[in-house]
Structure formats: C-alpha cells, structure tokens
C-alpha cells in the first residue's frame, strides 16, 4: 500500500514519529510490517510518499483465523496523522 502525503501545515516540516500496525490499537496485538518514505521530512506545501508492506501472516491470529488490522502513522509532534483500516480481504491468494 502506498500513501501520498501533502504537508498543509504552515511553517512546520512534517516528520515521521512512528507507525504501528495492530489488531486493536494496543501494543499487545502489534504486528510486523515494513515502512518506507521517499524523504525524511516534508516541508510545507510539498508532498511525499509512504509505502507499507504487510506479510499475509500479520493478518493471522494465534488460532489461524484472519483478522483485520489498523495502521496508525504519527507525525513528529506525536499526534496521529493517519489511521487506515486494513481489511483481511486485502490478502492476495
């Protein structure tokens, strides 16, 4: 999944603080994933891209069932910038 991000904040650069992939927004259900940005910082008015790759196994519970996930991306000041629901039907067979 790739996401296009535009910095609309006046006077402040956008920086990534952290990203988390979970089933229920808690650290207890955190799942592994890979994240890549095409720039470290996005100055006001400019755009950047964030790409996220999630393995099929991240959607699997301990019992082998498939579960939906939530991706949360936080900006440099700690505020939640993006929340994306990732339905388990996104998995390619």
PDB file of N, CA and C in Angstrom:
ATOM      1  N   UNK A   1       0.847  -1.158   0.000  1.00  0.00           N
ATOM      2  CA  UNK A   1       0.000   0.000   0.000  1.00  0.00           C
ATOM      3  C   UNK A   1       0.900   1.231   0.000  1.00  0.00           C
ATOM      4  N   UNK A   2       0.650   2.162  -0.889  1.00  0.00           N
ATOM      5  CA  UNK A   2       1.393   3.423  -0.912  1.00  0.00           C
ATOM      6  C   UNK A   2       0.415   4.560  -0.637  1.00  0.00           C
ATOM      7  N   UNK A   3       0.852   5.516   0.128  1.00  0.00           N
ATOM      8  CA  UNK A   3       0.011   6.652   0.501  1.00  0.00           C
ATOM      9  C   UNK A   3       0.725   7.942   0.136  1.00  0.00           C
ATOM     10  N   UNK A   4       0.015   8.848  -0.505  1.00  0.00           N
ATOM     11  CA  UNK A   4       0.541  10.162  -0.860  1.00  0.00           C
ATOM     12  C   UNK A   4       0.195  11.126   0.278  1.00  0.00           C
ATOM     13  N   UNK A   5       1.188  11.875   0.759  1.00  0.00           N
ATOM     14  CA  UNK A   5       1.001  12.774   1.896  1.00  0.00           C
ATOM     15  C   UNK A   5       1.464  14.175   1.519  1.00  0.00           C
ATOM     16  N   UNK A   6       0.601  15.165   1.724  1.00  0.00           N
ATOM     17  CA  UNK A   6       0.948  16.561   1.466  1.00  0.00           C
ATOM     18  C   UNK A   6       0.970  17.307   2.785  1.00  0.00           C
ATOM     19  N   UNK A   7       2.034  18.080   3.015  1.00  0.00           N
ATOM     20  CA  UNK A   7       2.149  18.876   4.239  1.00  0.00           C
ATOM     21  C   UNK A   7       1.383  20.180   4.041  1.00  0.00           C
ATOM     22  N   UNK A   8       0.280  20.326   4.766  1.00  0.00           N
ATOM     23  CA  UNK A   8      -0.530  21.542   4.680  1.00  0.00           C
ATOM     24  C   UNK A   8      -0.332  22.448   5.890  1.00  0.00           C
ATOM     25  N   UNK A   9       0.603  22.073   6.783  1.00  0.00           N
ATOM     26  CA  UNK A   9       0.893  22.914   7.944  1.00  0.00           C
ATOM     27  C   UNK A   9       1.760  24.091   7.517  1.00  0.00           C
ATOM     28  N   UNK A  10       1.396  25.285   7.905  1.00  0.00           N
ATOM     29  CA  UNK A  10       2.187  26.460   7.563  1.00  0.00           C
ATOM     30  C   UNK A  10       3.364  26.593   8.512  1.00  0.00           C
ATOM     31  N   UNK A  11       4.564  26.677   7.968  1.00  0.00           N
ATOM     32  CA  UNK A  11       5.742  26.963   8.766  1.00  0.00           C
ATOM     33  C   UNK A  11       6.408  25.775   9.436  1.00  0.00           C
ATOM     34  N   UNK A  12       5.816  24.579   9.367  1.00  0.00           N
ATOM     35  CA  UNK A  12       6.411  23.423  10.028  1.00  0.00           C
ATOM     36  C   UNK A  12       6.626  22.292   9.040  1.00  0.00           C
ATOM     37  N   UNK A  13       7.789  21.675   9.116  1.00  0.00           N
ATOM     38  CA  UNK A  13       8.048  20.497   8.303  1.00  0.00           C
ATOM     39  C   UNK A  13       7.373  19.288   8.935  1.00  0.00           C
ATOM     40  N   UNK A  14       6.948  18.353   8.081  1.00  0.00           N
ATOM     41  CA  UNK A  14       6.323  17.124   8.564  1.00  0.00           C
ATOM     42  C   UNK A  14       7.404  16.067   8.695  1.00  0.00           C
ATOM     43  N   UNK A  15       7.462  15.444   9.863  1.00  0.00           N
ATOM     44  CA  UNK A  15       8.408  14.361  10.123  1.00  0.00           C
ATOM     45  C   UNK A  15       7.642  13.186  10.716  1.00  0.00           C
ATOM     46  N   UNK A  16       8.112  11.995  10.426  1.00  0.00           N
ATOM     47  CA  UNK A  16       7.507  10.782  10.962  1.00  0.00           C
ATOM     48  C   UNK A  16       7.980  10.560  12.389  1.00  0.00           C
ATOM     49  N   UNK A  17       7.042  10.318  13.300  1.00  0.00           N
ATOM     50  CA  UNK A  17       7.384   9.987  14.677  1.00  0.00           C
ATOM     51  C   UNK A  17       7.371   8.482  14.878  1.00  0.00           C
ATOM     52  N   UNK A  18       6.388   7.819  14.288  1.00  0.00           N
ATOM     53  CA  UNK A  18       6.285   6.377  14.441  1.00  0.00           C
ATOM     54  C   UNK A  18       5.085   5.838  13.707  1.00  0.00           C
ATOM     55  N   UNK A  19       5.070   4.538  13.515  1.00  0.00           N
ATOM     56  CA  UNK A  19       3.945   3.868  12.866  1.00  0.00           C
ATOM     57  C   UNK A  19       3.738   2.524  13.554  1.00  0.00           C
ATOM     58  N   UNK A  20       2.487   2.134  13.667  1.00  0.00           N
ATOM     59  CA  UNK A  20       2.141   0.897  14.367  1.00  0.00           C
ATOM     60  C   UNK A  20       1.045   0.170  13.603  1.00  0.00           C
ATOM     61  N   UNK A  21       1.168  -1.142  13.539  1.00  0.00           N
ATOM     62  CA  UNK A  21       0.172  -1.986  12.901  1.00  0.00           C
ATOM     63  C   UNK A  21      -0.345  -2.935  13.966  1.00  0.00           C
ATOM     64  N   UNK A  22      -1.633  -2.846  14.284  1.00  0.00           N
ATOM     65  CA  UNK A  22      -2.204  -3.657  15.361  1.00  0.00           C
ATOM     66  C   UNK A  22      -3.586  -4.165  14.965  1.00  0.00           C
ATOM     67  N   UNK A  23      -4.097  -5.075  15.780  1.00  0.00           N
ATOM     68  CA  UNK A  23      -5.480  -5.535  15.594  1.00  0.00           C
ATOM     69  C   UNK A  23      -6.460  -4.688  16.378  1.00  0.00           C
ATOM     70  N   UNK A  24      -6.037  -4.144  17.517  1.00  0.00           N
ATOM     71  CA  UNK A  24      -6.988  -3.435  18.375  1.00  0.00           C
ATOM     72  C   UNK A  24      -6.422  -2.135  18.957  1.00  0.00           C
ATOM     73  N   UNK A  25      -5.460  -1.539  18.284  1.00  0.00           N
ATOM     74  CA  UNK A  25      -4.859  -0.256  18.686  1.00  0.00           C
ATOM     75  C   UNK A  25      -4.065  -0.343  19.990  1.00  0.00           C
ATOM     76  N   UNK A  26      -3.655  -1.559  20.383  1.00  0.00           N
ATOM     77  CA  UNK A  26      -2.819  -1.711  21.576  1.00  0.00           C
ATOM     78  C   UNK A  26      -1.508  -2.378  21.182  1.00  0.00           C
ATOM     79  N   UNK A  27      -0.496  -2.218  22.007  1.00  0.00           N
ATOM     80  CA  UNK A  27       0.796  -2.833  21.727  1.00  0.00           C
ATOM     81  C   UNK A  27       0.749  -4.357  21.876  1.00  0.00           C
ATOM     82  N   UNK A  28      -0.272  -4.876  22.552  1.00  0.00           N
ATOM     83  CA  UNK A  28      -0.390  -6.317  22.750  1.00  0.00           C
ATOM     84  C   UNK A  28      -0.618  -7.077  21.444  1.00  0.00           C
ATOM     85  N   UNK A  29      -1.213  -6.406  20.461  1.00  0.00           N
ATOM     86  CA  UNK A  29      -1.505  -7.065  19.183  1.00  0.00           C
ATOM     87  C   UNK A  29      -0.685  -6.471  18.044  1.00  0.00           C
ATOM     88  N   UNK A  30       0.448  -5.844  18.356  1.00  0.00           N
ATOM     89  CA  UNK A  30       1.303  -5.249  17.321  1.00  0.00           C
ATOM     90  C   UNK A  30       1.783  -6.333  16.363  1.00  0.00           C
ATOM     91  N   UNK A  31       1.812  -6.004  15.092  1.00  0.00           N
ATOM     92  CA  UNK A  31       2.202  -6.942  14.050  1.00  0.00           C
ATOM     93  C   UNK A  31       3.392  -6.378  13.282  1.00  0.00           C
ATOM     94  N   UNK A  32       4.237  -7.235  12.689  1.00  0.00           N
ATOM     95  CA  UNK A  32       5.383  -6.757  11.919  1.00  0.00           C
ATOM     96  C   UNK A  32       4.957  -6.202  10.561  1.00  0.00           C
ATOM     97  N   UNK A  33       5.703  -5.215  10.071  1.00  0.00           N
ATOM     98  CA  UNK A  33       5.459  -4.625   8.757  1.00  0.00           C
ATOM     99  C   UNK A  33       6.704  -3.844   8.349  1.00  0.00           C
ATOM    100  N   UNK A  34       6.748  -3.446   7.096  1.00  0.00           N
ATOM    101  CA  UNK A  34       7.855  -2.623   6.597  1.00  0.00           C
ATOM    102  C   UNK A  34       7.282  -1.296   6.124  1.00  0.00           C
ATOM    103  N   UNK A  35       8.004  -0.211   6.393  1.00  0.00           N
ATOM    104  CA  UNK A  35       7.569   1.126   6.002  1.00  0.00           C
ATOM    105  C   UNK A  35       8.741   1.838   5.343  1.00  0.00           C
ATOM    106  N   UNK A  36       8.465   2.551   4.260  1.00  0.00           N
ATOM    107  CA  UNK A  36       9.496   3.328   3.579  1.00  0.00           C
ATOM    108  C   UNK A  36       8.903   4.668   3.167  1.00  0.00           C
ATOM    109  N   UNK A  37       9.684   5.736   3.385  1.00  0.00           N
ATOM    110  CA  UNK A  37       9.294   7.078   2.941  1.00  0.00           C
ATOM    111  C   UNK A  37      10.302   7.534   1.891  1.00  0.00           C
ATOM    112  N   UNK A  38       9.839   8.341   0.919  1.00  0.00           N
ATOM    113  CA  UNK A  38      10.759   8.791  -0.109  1.00  0.00           C
ATOM    114  C   UNK A  38      11.541  10.039   0.304  1.00  0.00           C
ATOM    115  N   UNK A  39      11.256  10.593   1.475  1.00  0.00           N
ATOM    116  CA  UNK A  39      12.038  11.698   2.033  1.00  0.00           C
ATOM    117  C   UNK A  39      11.896  11.702   3.546  1.00  0.00           C
ATOM    118  N   UNK A  40      12.896  12.199   4.248  1.00  0.00           N
ATOM    119  CA  UNK A  40      12.887  12.214   5.720  1.00  0.00           C
ATOM    120  C   UNK A  40      11.961  13.273   6.291  1.00  0.00           C
ATOM    121  N   UNK A  41      11.748  14.313   5.534  1.00  0.00           N
ATOM    122  CA  UNK A  41      10.997  15.470   6.015  1.00  0.00           C
ATOM    123  C   UNK A  41      10.242  16.063   4.834  1.00  0.00           C
ATOM    124  N   UNK A  42       9.021  16.531   5.093  1.00  0.00           N
ATOM    125  CA  UNK A  42       8.217  17.156   4.039  1.00  0.00           C
ATOM    126  C   UNK A  42       7.961  18.595   4.451  1.00  0.00           C
ATOM    127  N   UNK A  43       8.513  19.535   3.688  1.00  0.00           N
ATOM    128  CA  UNK A  43       8.354  20.952   4.006  1.00  0.00           C
ATOM    129  C   UNK A  43       6.952  21.408   3.616  1.00  0.00           C
ATOM    130  N   UNK A  44       6.451  22.503   4.205  1.00  0.00           N
ATOM    131  CA  UNK A  44       5.097  22.973   3.906  1.00  0.00           C
ATOM    132  C   UNK A  44       4.861  23.149   2.404  1.00  0.00           C
ATOM    133  N   UNK A  45       3.714  22.636   1.958  1.00  0.00           N
ATOM    134  CA  UNK A  45       3.328  22.739   0.558  1.00  0.00           C
ATOM    135  C   UNK A  45       3.884  21.630  -0.325  1.00  0.00           C
ATOM    136  N   UNK A  46       4.803  20.842   0.176  1.00  0.00           N
ATOM    137  CA  UNK A  46       5.393  19.762  -0.617  1.00  0.00           C
ATOM    138  C   UNK A  46       4.715  18.430  -0.282  1.00  0.00           C
ATOM    139  N   UNK A  47       4.976  17.440  -1.119  1.00  0.00           N
ATOM    140  CA  UNK A  47       4.372  16.121  -0.940  1.00  0.00           C
ATOM    141  C   UNK A  47       5.442  15.051  -0.837  1.00  0.00           C
ATOM    142  N   UNK A  48       5.051  13.928  -0.295  1.00  0.00           N
ATOM    143  CA  UNK A  48       5.915  12.764  -0.201  1.00  0.00           C
ATOM    144  C   UNK A  48       5.068  11.506  -0.255  1.00  0.00           C
ATOM    145  N   UNK A  49       5.732  10.377  -0.301  1.00  0.00           N
ATOM    146  CA  UNK A  49       5.028   9.098  -0.344  1.00  0.00           C
ATOM    147  C   UNK A  49       5.503   8.208   0.794  1.00  0.00           C
ATOM    148  N   UNK A  50       4.554   7.477   1.337  1.00  0.00           N
ATOM    149  CA  UNK A  50       4.824   6.478   2.358  1.00  0.00           C
ATOM    150  C   UNK A  50       4.319   5.154   1.808  1.00  0.00           C
ATOM    151  N   UNK A  51       5.162   4.129   1.848  1.00  0.00           N
ATOM    152  CA  UNK A  51       4.767   2.800   1.386  1.00  0.00           C
ATOM    153  C   UNK A  51       4.835   1.832   2.558  1.00  0.00           C
ATOM    154  N   UNK A  52       3.845   0.966   2.655  1.00  0.00           N
ATOM    155  CA  UNK A  52       3.771  -0.023   3.727  1.00  0.00           C
ATOM    156  C   UNK A  52       3.576  -1.397   3.099  1.00  0.00           C
ATOM    157  N   UNK A  53       4.364  -2.366   3.579  1.00  0.00           N
ATOM    158  CA  UNK A  53       4.243  -3.747   3.124  1.00  0.00           C
ATOM    159  C   UNK A  53       3.938  -4.609   4.346  1.00  0.00           C
ATOM    160  N   UNK A  54       2.894  -5.427   4.220  1.00  0.00           N
ATOM    161  CA  UNK A  54       2.473  -6.304   5.312  1.00  0.00           C
ATOM    162  C   UNK A  54       2.403  -7.724   4.781  1.00  0.00           C
ATOM    163  N   UNK A  55       3.044  -8.645   5.476  1.00  0.00           N
ATOM    164  CA  UNK A  55       3.008 -10.051   5.115  1.00  0.00           C
ATOM    165  C   UNK A  55       1.652 -10.649   5.483  1.00  0.00           C
ATOM    166  N   UNK A  56       1.234 -11.630   4.730  1.00  0.00           N
ATOM    167  CA  UNK A  56      -0.038 -12.302   4.992  1.00  0.00           C
ATOM    168  C   UNK A  56      -0.133 -12.797   6.434  1.00  0.00           C
ATOM    169  N   UNK A  57       0.984 -13.269   6.985  1.00  0.00           N
ATOM    170  CA  UNK A  57       0.964 -13.828   8.341  1.00  0.00           C
ATOM    171  C   UNK A  57       0.607 -12.785   9.401  1.00  0.00           C
ATOM    172  N   UNK A  58       0.778 -11.507   9.099  1.00  0.00           N
ATOM    173  CA  UNK A  58       0.415 -10.456  10.064  1.00  0.00           C
ATOM    174  C   UNK A  58      -1.089 -10.429  10.316  1.00  0.00           C
ATOM    175  N   UNK A  59      -1.869 -10.899   9.356  1.00  0.00           N
ATOM    176  CA  UNK A  59      -3.326 -10.907   9.495  1.00  0.00           C
ATOM    177  C   UNK A  59      -3.833 -12.135  10.248  1.00  0.00           C
ATOM    178  N   UNK A  60      -2.955 -13.095  10.503  1.00  0.00           N
ATOM    179  CA  UNK A  60      -3.368 -14.344  11.135  1.00  0.00           C
ATOM    180  C   UNK A  60      -3.284 -14.243  12.656  1.00  0.00           C
ATOM    181  N   UNK A  61      -4.309 -14.734  13.321  1.00  0.00           N
ATOM    182  CA  UNK A  61      -4.315 -14.791  14.783  1.00  0.00           C
ATOM    183  C   UNK A  61      -3.585 -16.050  15.225  1.00  0.00           C
ATOM    184  N   UNK A  62      -3.410 -16.191  16.536  1.00  0.00           N
ATOM    185  CA  UNK A  62      -2.755 -17.368  17.083  1.00  0.00           C
ATOM    186  C   UNK A  62      -3.517 -18.643  16.721  1.00  0.00           C
ATOM    187  N   UNK A  63      -4.821 -18.534  16.544  1.00  0.00           N
ATOM    188  CA  UNK A  63      -5.654 -19.678  16.193  1.00  0.00           C
ATOM    189  C   UNK A  63      -5.758 -19.932  14.700  1.00  0.00           C
ATOM    190  N   UNK A  64      -5.040 -19.160  13.895  1.00  0.00           N
ATOM    191  CA  UNK A  64      -5.059 -19.365  12.452  1.00  0.00           C
ATOM    192  C   UNK A  64      -6.168 -18.637  11.710  1.00  0.00           C
ATOM    193  N   UNK A  65      -6.997 -17.905  12.435  1.00  0.00           N
ATOM    194  CA  UNK A  65      -8.058 -17.121  11.804  1.00  0.00           C
ATOM    195  C   UNK A  65      -7.475 -15.843  11.209  1.00  0.00           C
ATOM    196  N   UNK A  66      -8.167 -15.259  10.239  1.00  0.00           N
ATOM    197  CA  UNK A  66      -7.740 -13.980   9.680  1.00  0.00           C
ATOM    198  C   UNK A  66      -8.432 -12.843  10.418  1.00  0.00           C
ATOM    199  N   UNK A  67      -7.685 -11.787  10.690  1.00  0.00           N
ATOM    200  CA  UNK A  67      -8.224 -10.634  11.421  1.00  0.00           C
ATOM    201  C   UNK A  67      -7.899  -9.353  10.653  1.00  0.00           C
ATOM    202  N   UNK A  68      -8.736  -8.345  10.821  1.00  0.00           N
ATOM    203  CA  UNK A  68      -8.476  -7.028  10.246  1.00  0.00           C
ATOM    204  C   UNK A  68      -7.410  -6.326  11.075  1.00  0.00           C
ATOM    205  N   UNK A  69      -6.669  -5.422  10.453  1.00  0.00           N
ATOM    206  CA  UNK A  69      -5.616  -4.683  11.132  1.00  0.00           C
ATOM    207  C   UNK A  69      -5.851  -3.184  11.000  1.00  0.00           C
ATOM    208  N   UNK A  70      -5.156  -2.417  11.817  1.00  0.00           N
ATOM    209  CA  UNK A  70      -5.218  -0.956  11.749  1.00  0.00           C
ATOM    210  C   UNK A  70      -3.795  -0.416  11.700  1.00  0.00           C
ATOM    211  N   UNK A  71      -3.521   0.432  10.713  1.00  0.00           N
ATOM    212  CA  UNK A  71      -2.227   1.085  10.596  1.00  0.00           C
ATOM    213  C   UNK A  71      -2.376   2.511  11.115  1.00  0.00           C
ATOM    214  N   UNK A  72      -1.506   2.892  12.049  1.00  0.00           N
ATOM    215  CA  UNK A  72      -1.516   4.246  12.599  1.00  0.00           C
ATOM    216  C   UNK A  72      -0.168   4.891  12.298  1.00  0.00           C
ATOM    217  N   UNK A  73      -0.190   6.105  11.766  1.00  0.00           N
ATOM    218  CA  UNK A  73       1.032   6.846  11.469  1.00  0.00           C
ATOM    219  C   UNK A  73       0.995   8.144  12.268  1.00  0.00           C
ATOM    220  N   UNK A  74       2.060   8.375  13.054  1.00  0.00           N
ATOM    221  CA  UNK A  74       2.140   9.549  13.916  1.00  0.00           C
ATOM    222  C   UNK A  74       3.173  10.534  13.373  1.00  0.00           C
ATOM    223  N   UNK A  75       2.836  11.809  13.409  1.00  0.00           N
ATOM    224  CA  UNK A  75       3.779  12.830  12.950  1.00  0.00           C
ATOM    225  C   UNK A  75       4.734  13.222  14.075  1.00  0.00           C
ATOM    226  N   UNK A  76       5.721  14.042  13.757  1.00  0.00           N
ATOM    227  CA  UNK A  76       6.805  14.388  14.653  1.00  0.00           C
ATOM    228  C   UNK A  76       6.409  14.923  16.009  1.00  0.00           C
ATOM    229  N   UNK A  77       5.266  15.593  16.109  1.00  0.00           N
ATOM    230  CA  UNK A  77       4.837  16.129  17.404  1.00  0.00           C
ATOM    231  C   UNK A  77       4.021  15.120  18.207  1.00  0.00           C
ATOM    232  N   UNK A  78       3.926  13.874  17.702  1.00  0.00           N
ATOM    233  CA  UNK A  78       3.245  12.813  18.428  1.00  0.00           C
ATOM    234  C   UNK A  78       1.764  12.653  18.128  1.00  0.00           C
ATOM    235  N   UNK A  79       1.199  13.549  17.328  1.00  0.00           N
ATOM    236  CA  UNK A  79      -0.217  13.452  17.004  1.00  0.00           C
ATOM    237  C   UNK A  79      -0.457  12.425  15.909  1.00  0.00           C
ATOM    238  N   UNK A  80      -1.592  11.743  16.000  1.00  0.00           N
ATOM    239  CA  UNK A  80      -1.979  10.769  14.985  1.00  0.00           C
ATOM    240  C   UNK A  80      -2.278  11.501  13.690  1.00  0.00           C
ATOM    241  N   UNK A  81      -1.586  11.143  12.620  1.00  0.00           N
ATOM    242  CA  UNK A  81      -1.774  11.787  11.324  1.00  0.00           C
ATOM    243  C   UNK A  81      -2.690  10.977  10.424  1.00  0.00           C
ATOM    244  N   UNK A  82      -2.490   9.653  10.412  1.00  0.00           N
ATOM    245  CA  UNK A  82      -3.233   8.780   9.507  1.00  0.00           C
ATOM    246  C   UNK A  82      -3.636   7.524  10.263  1.00  0.00           C
ATOM    247  N   UNK A  83      -4.858   7.088  10.067  1.00  0.00           N
ATOM    248  CA  UNK A  83      -5.324   5.799  10.577  1.00  0.00           C
ATOM    249  C   UNK A  83      -6.013   5.089   9.409  1.00  0.00           C
ATOM    250  N   UNK A  84      -5.518   3.904   9.074  1.00  0.00           N
ATOM    251  CA  UNK A  84      -6.026   3.163   7.927  1.00  0.00           C
ATOM    252  C   UNK A  84      -6.490   1.792   8.385  1.00  0.00           C
ATOM    253  N   UNK A  85      -7.727   1.458   8.077  1.00  0.00           N
ATOM    254  CA  UNK A  85      -8.236   0.110   8.347  1.00  0.00           C
ATOM    255  C   UNK A  85      -7.766  -0.795   7.219  1.00  0.00           C
ATOM    256  N   UNK A  86      -7.182  -1.933   7.589  1.00  0.00           N
ATOM    257  CA  UNK A  86      -6.691  -2.889   6.601  1.00  0.00           C
ATOM    258  C   UNK A  86      -7.484  -4.180   6.744  1.00  0.00           C
ATOM    259  N   UNK A  87      -8.486  -4.330   5.905  1.00  0.00           N
ATOM    260  CA  UNK A  87      -9.366  -5.488   5.938  1.00  0.00           C
ATOM    261  C   UNK A  87      -8.599  -6.738   5.483  1.00  0.00           C
ATOM    262  N   UNK A  88      -8.837  -7.850   6.149  1.00  0.00           N
ATOM    263  CA  UNK A  88      -8.114  -9.073   5.822  1.00  0.00           C
ATOM    264  C   UNK A  88      -8.400  -9.558   4.390  1.00  0.00           C
ATOM    265  N   UNK A  89      -9.466  -9.067   3.751  1.00  0.00           N
ATOM    266  CA  UNK A  89      -9.752  -9.454   2.373  1.00  0.00           C
ATOM    267  C   UNK A  89      -8.760  -8.813   1.391  1.00  0.00           C
ATOM    268  N   UNK A  90      -7.871  -7.933   1.866  1.00  0.00           N
ATOM    269  CA  UNK A  90      -6.839  -7.356   1.013  1.00  0.00           C
ATOM    270  C   UNK A  90      -5.764  -8.389   0.646  1.00  0.00           C
ATOM    271  N   UNK A  91      -5.703  -9.479   1.384  1.00  0.00           N
ATOM    272  CA  UNK A  91      -4.677 -10.503   1.165  1.00  0.00           C
ATOM    273  C   UNK A  91      -4.873 -11.132  -0.210  1.00  0.00           C
ATOM    274  N   UNK A  92      -3.762 -11.202  -0.947  1.00  0.00           N
ATOM    275  CA  UNK A  92      -3.798 -11.868  -2.241  1.00  0.00           C
ATOM    276  C   UNK A  92      -3.561 -13.354  -2.055  1.00  0.00           C
ATOM    277  N   UNK A  93      -4.319 -14.135  -2.735  1.00  0.00           N
ATOM    278  CA  UNK A  93      -4.154 -15.593  -2.654  1.00  0.00           C
ATOM    279  C   UNK A  93      -3.028 -16.051  -3.549  1.00  0.00           C
TER     280      UNK A  93
END
